């Protein structure tokens, strides 16, 4: 879509099935967002957060079942590792 959502606070947003291919999500916070089946292929994801550590080691992660991020760029190492551990790869 090419949407510019850079630096957006999208914590807890309902984005299931969203078509955000090619979007600029640099610096966006997607922790706790519902990204089930969302398409972020080719998106700019520099400094984008999909999870954040919570109190006592709890994890506030996005729902990412079926999330597509092929060709996305700029993922932070910890975010990329978190996604990969859940079967989502750029």
PDB file of N, CA and C in Angstrom:
ATOM      1  N   UNK A   1       0.815  -1.206   0.000  1.00  0.00           N
ATOM      2  CA  UNK A   1       0.000   0.000   0.000  1.00  0.00           C
ATOM      3  C   UNK A   1       0.849   1.256   0.000  1.00  0.00           C
ATOM      4  N   UNK A   2       2.075   1.144   0.543  1.00  0.00           N
ATOM      5  CA  UNK A   2       2.942   2.306   0.626  1.00  0.00           C
ATOM      6  C   UNK A   2       2.549   3.268   1.727  1.00  0.00           C
ATOM      7  N   UNK A   3       1.676   2.847   2.649  1.00  0.00           N
ATOM      8  CA  UNK A   3       1.228   3.710   3.739  1.00  0.00           C
ATOM      9  C   UNK A   3       2.402   4.121   4.620  1.00  0.00           C
ATOM     10  N   UNK A   4       2.357   5.337   5.144  1.00  0.00           N
ATOM     11  CA  UNK A   4       3.390   5.817   6.054  1.00  0.00           C
ATOM     12  C   UNK A   4       2.842   5.788   7.476  1.00  0.00           C
ATOM     13  N   UNK A   5       3.264   4.771   8.223  1.00  0.00           N
ATOM     14  CA  UNK A   5       2.871   4.629   9.616  1.00  0.00           C
ATOM     15  C   UNK A   5       4.093   4.692  10.523  1.00  0.00           C
ATOM     16  N   UNK A   6       5.145   5.352  10.043  1.00  0.00           N
ATOM     17  CA  UNK A   6       6.377   5.437  10.824  1.00  0.00           C
ATOM     18  C   UNK A   6       6.109   6.132  12.154  1.00  0.00           C
ATOM     19  N   UNK A   7       6.768   5.617  13.188  1.00  0.00           N
ATOM     20  CA  UNK A   7       6.692   6.139  14.554  1.00  0.00           C
ATOM     21  C   UNK A   7       5.293   6.059  15.168  1.00  0.00           C
ATOM     22  N   UNK A   8       4.408   5.265  14.589  1.00  0.00           N
ATOM     23  CA  UNK A   8       3.043   5.142  15.107  1.00  0.00           C
ATOM     24  C   UNK A   8       2.984   4.243  16.333  1.00  0.00           C
ATOM     25  N   UNK A   9       2.140   4.601  17.272  1.00  0.00           N
ATOM     26  CA  UNK A   9       1.874   3.760  18.437  1.00  0.00           C
ATOM     27  C   UNK A   9       0.671   2.889  18.087  1.00  0.00           C
ATOM     28  N   UNK A  10       0.956   1.654  17.678  1.00  0.00           N
ATOM     29  CA  UNK A  10      -0.088   0.723  17.261  1.00  0.00           C
ATOM     30  C   UNK A  10      -0.226  -0.427  18.254  1.00  0.00           C
ATOM     31  N   UNK A  11       0.196  -0.192  19.493  1.00  0.00           N
ATOM     32  CA  UNK A  11       0.079  -1.224  20.523  1.00  0.00           C
ATOM     33  C   UNK A  11      -1.382  -1.622  20.686  1.00  0.00           C
ATOM     34  N   UNK A  12      -1.628  -2.940  20.574  1.00  0.00           N
ATOM     35  CA  UNK A  12      -2.973  -3.459  20.762  1.00  0.00           C
ATOM     36  C   UNK A  12      -3.915  -3.219  19.593  1.00  0.00           C
ATOM     37  N   UNK A  13      -3.426  -2.666  18.484  1.00  0.00           N
ATOM     38  CA  UNK A  13      -4.286  -2.377  17.329  1.00  0.00           C
ATOM     39  C   UNK A  13      -4.802  -3.668  16.697  1.00  0.00           C
ATOM     40  N   UNK A  14      -5.981  -3.618  16.140  1.00  0.00           N
ATOM     41  CA  UNK A  14      -6.577  -4.755  15.435  1.00  0.00           C
ATOM     42  C   UNK A  14      -6.258  -4.623  13.954  1.00  0.00           C
ATOM     43  N   UNK A  15      -5.200  -5.315  13.535  1.00  0.00           N
ATOM     44  CA  UNK A  15      -4.729  -5.224  12.152  1.00  0.00           C
ATOM     45  C   UNK A  15      -4.776  -6.581  11.461  1.00  0.00           C
ATOM     46  N   UNK A  16      -5.612  -7.480  11.939  1.00  0.00           N
ATOM     47  CA  UNK A  16      -5.730  -8.808  11.336  1.00  0.00           C
ATOM     48  C   UNK A  16      -6.117  -8.661   9.866  1.00  0.00           C
ATOM     49  N   UNK A  17      -5.347  -9.329   8.994  1.00  0.00           N
ATOM     50  CA  UNK A  17      -5.624  -9.297   7.563  1.00  0.00           C
ATOM     51  C   UNK A  17      -5.252  -7.998   6.865  1.00  0.00           C
ATOM     52  N   UNK A  18      -4.596  -7.082   7.564  1.00  0.00           N
ATOM     53  CA  UNK A  18      -4.236  -5.788   6.969  1.00  0.00           C
ATOM     54  C   UNK A  18      -3.277  -5.976   5.799  1.00  0.00           C
ATOM     55  N   UNK A  19      -3.464  -5.183   4.773  1.00  0.00           N
ATOM     56  CA  UNK A  19      -2.589  -5.191   3.598  1.00  0.00           C
ATOM     57  C   UNK A  19      -1.661  -3.990   3.692  1.00  0.00           C
ATOM     58  N   UNK A  20      -0.482  -4.234   4.247  1.00  0.00           N
ATOM     59  CA  UNK A  20       0.486  -3.161   4.454  1.00  0.00           C
ATOM     60  C   UNK A  20       1.784  -3.435   3.713  1.00  0.00           C
ATOM     61  N   UNK A  21       1.698  -4.132   2.594  1.00  0.00           N
ATOM     62  CA  UNK A  21       2.885  -4.421   1.786  1.00  0.00           C
ATOM     63  C   UNK A  21       3.519  -3.105   1.353  1.00  0.00           C
ATOM     64  N   UNK A  22       4.831  -3.005   1.547  1.00  0.00           N
ATOM     65  CA  UNK A  22       5.560  -1.806   1.146  1.00  0.00           C
ATOM     66  C   UNK A  22       5.369  -0.611   2.056  1.00  0.00           C
ATOM     67  N   UNK A  23       4.676  -0.792   3.171  1.00  0.00           N
ATOM     68  CA  UNK A  23       4.424   0.324   4.085  1.00  0.00           C
ATOM     69  C   UNK A  23       5.693   0.732   4.829  1.00  0.00           C
ATOM     70  N   UNK A  24       5.729   1.979   5.268  1.00  0.00           N
ATOM     71  CA  UNK A  24       6.810   2.481   6.117  1.00  0.00           C
ATOM     72  C   UNK A  24       6.334   2.375   7.559  1.00  0.00           C
ATOM     73  N   UNK A  25       6.866   1.371   8.262  1.00  0.00           N
ATOM     74  CA  UNK A  25       6.520   1.145   9.662  1.00  0.00           C
ATOM     75  C   UNK A  25       7.726   1.384  10.562  1.00  0.00           C
ATOM     76  N   UNK A  26       8.682   2.165  10.081  1.00  0.00           N
ATOM     77  CA  UNK A  26       9.903   2.408  10.846  1.00  0.00           C
ATOM     78  C   UNK A  26       9.572   3.060  12.182  1.00  0.00           C
ATOM     79  N   UNK A  27      10.056   2.421  13.252  1.00  0.00           N
ATOM     80  CA  UNK A  27       9.853   2.955  14.590  1.00  0.00           C
ATOM     81  C   UNK A  27       8.463   2.738  15.154  1.00  0.00           C
ATOM     82  N   UNK A  28       7.604   2.024  14.449  1.00  0.00           N
ATOM     83  CA  UNK A  28       6.248   1.771  14.946  1.00  0.00           C
ATOM     84  C   UNK A  28       6.282   0.737  16.067  1.00  0.00           C
ATOM     85  N   UNK A  29       5.365   0.864  17.010  1.00  0.00           N
ATOM     86  CA  UNK A  29       5.239  -0.105  18.101  1.00  0.00           C
ATOM     87  C   UNK A  29       4.003  -0.950  17.835  1.00  0.00           C
ATOM     88  N   UNK A  30       4.236  -2.226  17.488  1.00  0.00           N
ATOM     89  CA  UNK A  30       3.157  -3.165  17.188  1.00  0.00           C
ATOM     90  C   UNK A  30       2.984  -4.204  18.294  1.00  0.00           C
ATOM     91  N   UNK A  31       3.607  -3.980  19.448  1.00  0.00           N
ATOM     92  CA  UNK A  31       3.469  -4.946  20.533  1.00  0.00           C
ATOM     93  C   UNK A  31       1.995  -5.051  20.932  1.00  0.00           C
ATOM     94  N   UNK A  32       1.561  -6.273  21.184  1.00  0.00           N
ATOM     95  CA  UNK A  32       0.174  -6.612  21.547  1.00  0.00           C
ATOM     96  C   UNK A  32      -0.818  -6.380  20.411  1.00  0.00           C
ATOM     97  N   UNK A  33      -0.367  -5.978  19.222  1.00  0.00           N
ATOM     98  CA  UNK A  33      -1.279  -5.797  18.087  1.00  0.00           C
ATOM     99  C   UNK A  33      -1.689  -7.158  17.531  1.00  0.00           C
ATOM    100  N   UNK A  34      -2.867  -7.226  16.944  1.00  0.00           N
ATOM    101  CA  UNK A  34      -3.313  -8.444  16.270  1.00  0.00           C
ATOM    102  C   UNK A  34      -2.934  -8.323  14.801  1.00  0.00           C
ATOM    103  N   UNK A  35      -1.871  -9.033  14.410  1.00  0.00           N
ATOM    104  CA  UNK A  35      -1.372  -9.023  13.033  1.00  0.00           C
ATOM    105  C   UNK A  35      -1.673 -10.351  12.335  1.00  0.00           C
ATOM    106  N   UNK A  36      -2.656 -11.087  12.822  1.00  0.00           N
ATOM    107  CA  UNK A  36      -3.008 -12.380  12.253  1.00  0.00           C
ATOM    108  C   UNK A  36      -3.305 -12.232  10.760  1.00  0.00           C
ATOM    109  N   UNK A  37      -2.531 -12.945   9.935  1.00  0.00           N
ATOM    110  CA  UNK A  37      -2.758 -12.930   8.494  1.00  0.00           C
ATOM    111  C   UNK A  37      -2.424 -11.621   7.801  1.00  0.00           C
ATOM    112  N   UNK A  38      -1.750 -10.709   8.474  1.00  0.00           N
ATOM    113  CA  UNK A  38      -1.403  -9.416   7.865  1.00  0.00           C
ATOM    114  C   UNK A  38      -0.272  -9.579   6.854  1.00  0.00           C
ATOM    115  N   UNK A  39      -0.246  -8.706   5.861  1.00  0.00           N
ATOM    116  CA  UNK A  39       0.774  -8.723   4.809  1.00  0.00           C
ATOM    117  C   UNK A  39       1.658  -7.490   4.945  1.00  0.00           C
ATOM    118  N   UNK A  40       2.893  -7.718   5.415  1.00  0.00           N
ATOM    119  CA  UNK A  40       3.883  -6.650   5.551  1.00  0.00           C
ATOM    120  C   UNK A  40       5.054  -6.897   4.607  1.00  0.00           C
ATOM    121  N   UNK A  41       4.826  -7.617   3.509  1.00  0.00           N
ATOM    122  CA  UNK A  41       5.915  -7.911   2.583  1.00  0.00           C
ATOM    123  C   UNK A  41       6.512  -6.613   2.054  1.00  0.00           C
ATOM    124  N   UNK A  42       7.834  -6.569   2.047  1.00  0.00           N
ATOM    125  CA  UNK A  42       8.538  -5.408   1.523  1.00  0.00           C
ATOM    126  C   UNK A  42       8.424  -4.157   2.369  1.00  0.00           C
ATOM    127  N   UNK A  43       7.908  -4.284   3.577  1.00  0.00           N
ATOM    128  CA  UNK A  43       7.745  -3.112   4.444  1.00  0.00           C
ATOM    129  C   UNK A  43       9.086  -2.678   5.039  1.00  0.00           C
ATOM    130  N   UNK A  44       9.190  -1.395   5.366  1.00  0.00           N
ATOM    131  CA  UNK A  44      10.360  -0.853   6.066  1.00  0.00           C
ATOM    132  C   UNK A  44      10.105  -1.015   7.561  1.00  0.00           C
ATOM    133  N   UNK A  45      10.915  -1.872   8.216  1.00  0.00           N
ATOM    134  CA  UNK A  45      10.674  -2.231   9.609  1.00  0.00           C
ATOM    135  C   UNK A  45      11.822  -1.851  10.537  1.00  0.00           C
ATOM    136  N   UNK A  46      12.597  -0.857  10.168  1.00  0.00           N
ATOM    137  CA  UNK A  46      13.708  -0.416  11.012  1.00  0.00           C
ATOM    138  C   UNK A  46      13.162   0.122  12.334  1.00  0.00           C
ATOM    139  N   UNK A  47      13.638  -0.447  13.435  1.00  0.00           N
ATOM    140  CA  UNK A  47      13.246  -0.048  14.791  1.00  0.00           C
ATOM    141  C   UNK A  47      11.779  -0.328  15.102  1.00  0.00           C
ATOM    142  N   UNK A  48      11.114  -1.154  14.304  1.00  0.00           N
ATOM    143  CA  UNK A  48       9.735  -1.556  14.577  1.00  0.00           C
ATOM    144  C   UNK A  48       9.741  -2.591  15.693  1.00  0.00           C
ATOM    145  N   UNK A  49       8.804  -2.472  16.630  1.00  0.00           N
ATOM    146  CA  UNK A  49       8.720  -3.391  17.771  1.00  0.00           C
ATOM    147  C   UNK A  49       7.498  -4.293  17.612  1.00  0.00           C
ATOM    148  N   UNK A  50       7.744  -5.612  17.652  1.00  0.00           N
ATOM    149  CA  UNK A  50       6.665  -6.594  17.622  1.00  0.00           C
ATOM    150  C   UNK A  50       6.400  -7.148  19.015  1.00  0.00           C
ATOM    151  N   UNK A  51       7.347  -6.976  19.911  1.00  0.00           N
ATOM    152  CA  UNK A  51       7.167  -7.388  21.300  1.00  0.00           C
ATOM    153  C   UNK A  51       7.976  -6.451  22.175  1.00  0.00           C
ATOM    154  N   UNK A  52       7.602  -6.423  23.438  1.00  0.00           N
ATOM    155  CA  UNK A  52       8.374  -5.693  24.430  1.00  0.00           C
ATOM    156  C   UNK A  52       8.360  -6.515  25.707  1.00  0.00           C
ATOM    157  N   UNK A  53       9.481  -6.541  26.400  1.00  0.00           N
ATOM    158  CA  UNK A  53       9.512  -7.277  27.659  1.00  0.00           C
ATOM    159  C   UNK A  53       8.606  -6.605  28.679  1.00  0.00           C
ATOM    160  N   UNK A  54       7.899  -7.411  29.426  1.00  0.00           N
ATOM    161  CA  UNK A  54       7.015  -6.872  30.452  1.00  0.00           C
ATOM    162  C   UNK A  54       7.555  -7.146  31.841  1.00  0.00           C
ATOM    163  N   UNK A  55       6.825  -6.751  32.863  1.00  0.00           N
ATOM    164  CA  UNK A  55       7.254  -6.963  34.240  1.00  0.00           C
ATOM    165  C   UNK A  55       7.420  -8.449  34.555  1.00  0.00           C
ATOM    166  N   UNK A  56       8.441  -8.767  35.310  1.00  0.00           N
ATOM    167  CA  UNK A  56       8.660 -10.140  35.732  1.00  0.00           C
ATOM    168  C   UNK A  56       8.983 -11.099  34.608  1.00  0.00           C
ATOM    169  N   UNK A  57       9.470 -10.587  33.484  1.00  0.00           N
ATOM    170  CA  UNK A  57       9.831 -11.442  32.361  1.00  0.00           C
ATOM    171  C   UNK A  57       8.666 -11.771  31.447  1.00  0.00           C
ATOM    172  N   UNK A  58       7.488 -11.231  31.738  1.00  0.00           N
ATOM    173  CA  UNK A  58       6.342 -11.447  30.852  1.00  0.00           C
ATOM    174  C   UNK A  58       6.630 -10.803  29.504  1.00  0.00           C
ATOM    175  N   UNK A  59       5.974 -11.287  28.490  1.00  0.00           N
ATOM    176  CA  UNK A  59       6.231 -10.786  27.140  1.00  0.00           C
ATOM    177  C   UNK A  59       4.947 -10.234  26.542  1.00  0.00           C
ATOM    178  N   UNK A  60       5.003  -9.030  26.034  1.00  0.00           N
ATOM    179  CA  UNK A  60       3.848  -8.399  25.407  1.00  0.00           C
ATOM    180  C   UNK A  60       4.040  -8.420  23.899  1.00  0.00           C
ATOM    181  N   UNK A  61       3.808  -9.577  23.305  1.00  0.00           N
ATOM    182  CA  UNK A  61       4.043  -9.739  21.880  1.00  0.00           C
ATOM    183  C   UNK A  61       2.784  -9.618  21.051  1.00  0.00           C
ATOM    184  N   UNK A  62       2.987  -9.279  19.797  1.00  0.00           N
ATOM    185  CA  UNK A  62       1.886  -9.212  18.837  1.00  0.00           C
ATOM    186  C   UNK A  62       1.412 -10.621  18.495  1.00  0.00           C
ATOM    187  N   UNK A  63       0.170 -10.738  18.063  1.00  0.00           N
ATOM    188  CA  UNK A  63      -0.340 -12.005  17.521  1.00  0.00           C
ATOM    189  C   UNK A  63       0.098 -12.041  16.063  1.00  0.00           C
ATOM    190  N   UNK A  64       0.859 -13.068  15.680  1.00  0.00           N
ATOM    191  CA  UNK A  64       1.501 -13.065  14.361  1.00  0.00           C
ATOM    192  C   UNK A  64       1.214 -14.318  13.532  1.00  0.00           C
ATOM    193  N   UNK A  65       0.181 -15.066  13.862  1.00  0.00           N
ATOM    194  CA  UNK A  65      -0.150 -16.246  13.080  1.00  0.00           C
ATOM    195  C   UNK A  65      -0.440 -15.836  11.633  1.00  0.00           C
ATOM    196  N   UNK A  66       0.294 -16.410  10.690  1.00  0.00           N
ATOM    197  CA  UNK A  66       0.064 -16.112   9.280  1.00  0.00           C
ATOM    198  C   UNK A  66       0.618 -14.782   8.803  1.00  0.00           C
ATOM    199  N   UNK A  67       1.387 -14.092   9.640  1.00  0.00           N
ATOM    200  CA  UNK A  67       1.999 -12.812   9.251  1.00  0.00           C
ATOM    201  C   UNK A  67       3.015 -13.039   8.142  1.00  0.00           C
ATOM    202  N   UNK A  68       3.001 -12.187   7.116  1.00  0.00           N
ATOM    203  CA  UNK A  68       3.952 -12.284   6.003  1.00  0.00           C
ATOM    204  C   UNK A  68       4.827 -11.031   5.988  1.00  0.00           C
ATOM    205  N   UNK A  69       6.174 -11.267   6.027  1.00  0.00           N
ATOM    206  CA  UNK A  69       7.115 -10.140   6.022  1.00  0.00           C
ATOM    207  C   UNK A  69       8.249 -10.349   5.021  1.00  0.00           C
ATOM    208  N   UNK A  70       8.071 -11.231   4.046  1.00  0.00           N
ATOM    209  CA  UNK A  70       9.131 -11.485   3.054  1.00  0.00           C
ATOM    210  C   UNK A  70       9.570 -10.170   2.417  1.00  0.00           C
ATOM    211  N   UNK A  71      10.874  -9.993   2.305  1.00  0.00           N
ATOM    212  CA  UNK A  71      11.411  -8.797   1.668  1.00  0.00           C
ATOM    213  C   UNK A  71      11.383  -7.554   2.532  1.00  0.00           C
ATOM    214  N   UNK A  72      10.899  -7.683   3.763  1.00  0.00           N
ATOM    215  CA  UNK A  72      10.903  -6.535   4.673  1.00  0.00           C
ATOM    216  C   UNK A  72      12.346  -6.205   5.047  1.00  0.00           C
ATOM    217  N   UNK A  73      12.599  -4.948   5.344  1.00  0.00           N
ATOM    218  CA  UNK A  73      13.967  -4.512   5.630  1.00  0.00           C
ATOM    219  C   UNK A  73      14.067  -3.844   6.994  1.00  0.00           C
ATOM    220  N   UNK A  74      15.271  -3.921   7.574  1.00  0.00           N
ATOM    221  CA  UNK A  74      15.608  -3.132   8.750  1.00  0.00           C
ATOM    222  C   UNK A  74      15.216  -3.697  10.097  1.00  0.00           C
ATOM    223  N   UNK A  75      14.794  -4.952  10.171  1.00  0.00           N
ATOM    224  CA  UNK A  75      14.391  -5.506  11.460  1.00  0.00           C
ATOM    225  C   UNK A  75      15.536  -5.480  12.472  1.00  0.00           C
ATOM    226  N   UNK A  76      15.248  -5.076  13.680  1.00  0.00           N
ATOM    227  CA  UNK A  76      16.217  -5.168  14.766  1.00  0.00           C
ATOM    228  C   UNK A  76      16.476  -6.644  15.051  1.00  0.00           C
ATOM    229  N   UNK A  77      17.698  -6.969  15.460  1.00  0.00           N
ATOM    230  CA  UNK A  77      18.069  -8.370  15.674  1.00  0.00           C
ATOM    231  C   UNK A  77      17.154  -9.076  16.664  1.00  0.00           C
ATOM    232  N   UNK A  78      16.832  -8.426  17.780  1.00  0.00           N
ATOM    233  CA  UNK A  78      15.987  -9.096  18.772  1.00  0.00           C
ATOM    234  C   UNK A  78      14.577  -9.323  18.251  1.00  0.00           C
ATOM    235  N   UNK A  79      14.080  -8.399  17.450  1.00  0.00           N
ATOM    236  CA  UNK A  79      12.745  -8.546  16.876  1.00  0.00           C
ATOM    237  C   UNK A  79      12.733  -9.653  15.820  1.00  0.00           C
ATOM    238  N   UNK A  80      13.775  -9.679  14.983  1.00  0.00           N
ATOM    239  CA  UNK A  80      13.882 -10.717  13.959  1.00  0.00           C
ATOM    240  C   UNK A  80      13.967 -12.097  14.604  1.00  0.00           C
ATOM    241  N   UNK A  81      14.753 -12.219  15.679  1.00  0.00           N
ATOM    242  CA  UNK A  81      14.886 -13.496  16.380  1.00  0.00           C
ATOM    243  C   UNK A  81      13.556 -13.911  17.009  1.00  0.00           C
ATOM    244  N   UNK A  82      12.834 -12.957  17.585  1.00  0.00           N
ATOM    245  CA  UNK A  82      11.537 -13.245  18.201  1.00  0.00           C
ATOM    246  C   UNK A  82      10.552 -13.744  17.147  1.00  0.00           C
ATOM    247  N   UNK A  83      10.511 -13.074  16.004  1.00  0.00           N
ATOM    248  CA  UNK A  83       9.626 -13.501  14.918  1.00  0.00           C
ATOM    249  C   UNK A  83      10.024 -14.876  14.390  1.00  0.00           C
ATOM    250  N   UNK A  84      11.318 -15.078  14.152  1.00  0.00           N
ATOM    251  CA  UNK A  84      11.804 -16.349  13.605  1.00  0.00           C
ATOM    252  C   UNK A  84      11.489 -17.512  14.543  1.00  0.00           C
ATOM    253  N   UNK A  85      11.591 -17.286  15.846  1.00  0.00           N
ATOM    254  CA  UNK A  85      11.288 -18.333  16.822  1.00  0.00           C
ATOM    255  C   UNK A  85       9.822 -18.750  16.760  1.00  0.00           C
ATOM    256  N   UNK A  86       9.004 -17.916  16.149  1.00  0.00           N
ATOM    257  CA  UNK A  86       7.578 -18.190  16.007  1.00  0.00           C
ATOM    258  C   UNK A  86       7.196 -18.508  14.567  1.00  0.00           C
ATOM    259  N   UNK A  87       8.225 -18.772  13.735  1.00  0.00           N
ATOM    260  CA  UNK A  87       7.990 -19.223  12.364  1.00  0.00           C
ATOM    261  C   UNK A  87       7.795 -18.137  11.327  1.00  0.00           C
ATOM    262  N   UNK A  88       8.052 -16.876  11.678  1.00  0.00           N
ATOM    263  CA  UNK A  88       7.900 -15.769  10.727  1.00  0.00           C
ATOM    264  C   UNK A  88       9.289 -15.300  10.320  1.00  0.00           C
ATOM    265  N   UNK A  89       9.569 -15.336   9.021  1.00  0.00           N
ATOM    266  CA  UNK A  89      10.902 -14.960   8.524  1.00  0.00           C
ATOM    267  C   UNK A  89      10.790 -13.920   7.410  1.00  0.00           C
ATOM    268  N   UNK A  90      11.759 -12.999   7.440  1.00  0.00           N
ATOM    269  CA  UNK A  90      11.795 -11.944   6.415  1.00  0.00           C
ATOM    270  C   UNK A  90      12.322 -12.499   5.112  1.00  0.00           C
TER     271      UNK A  90
END
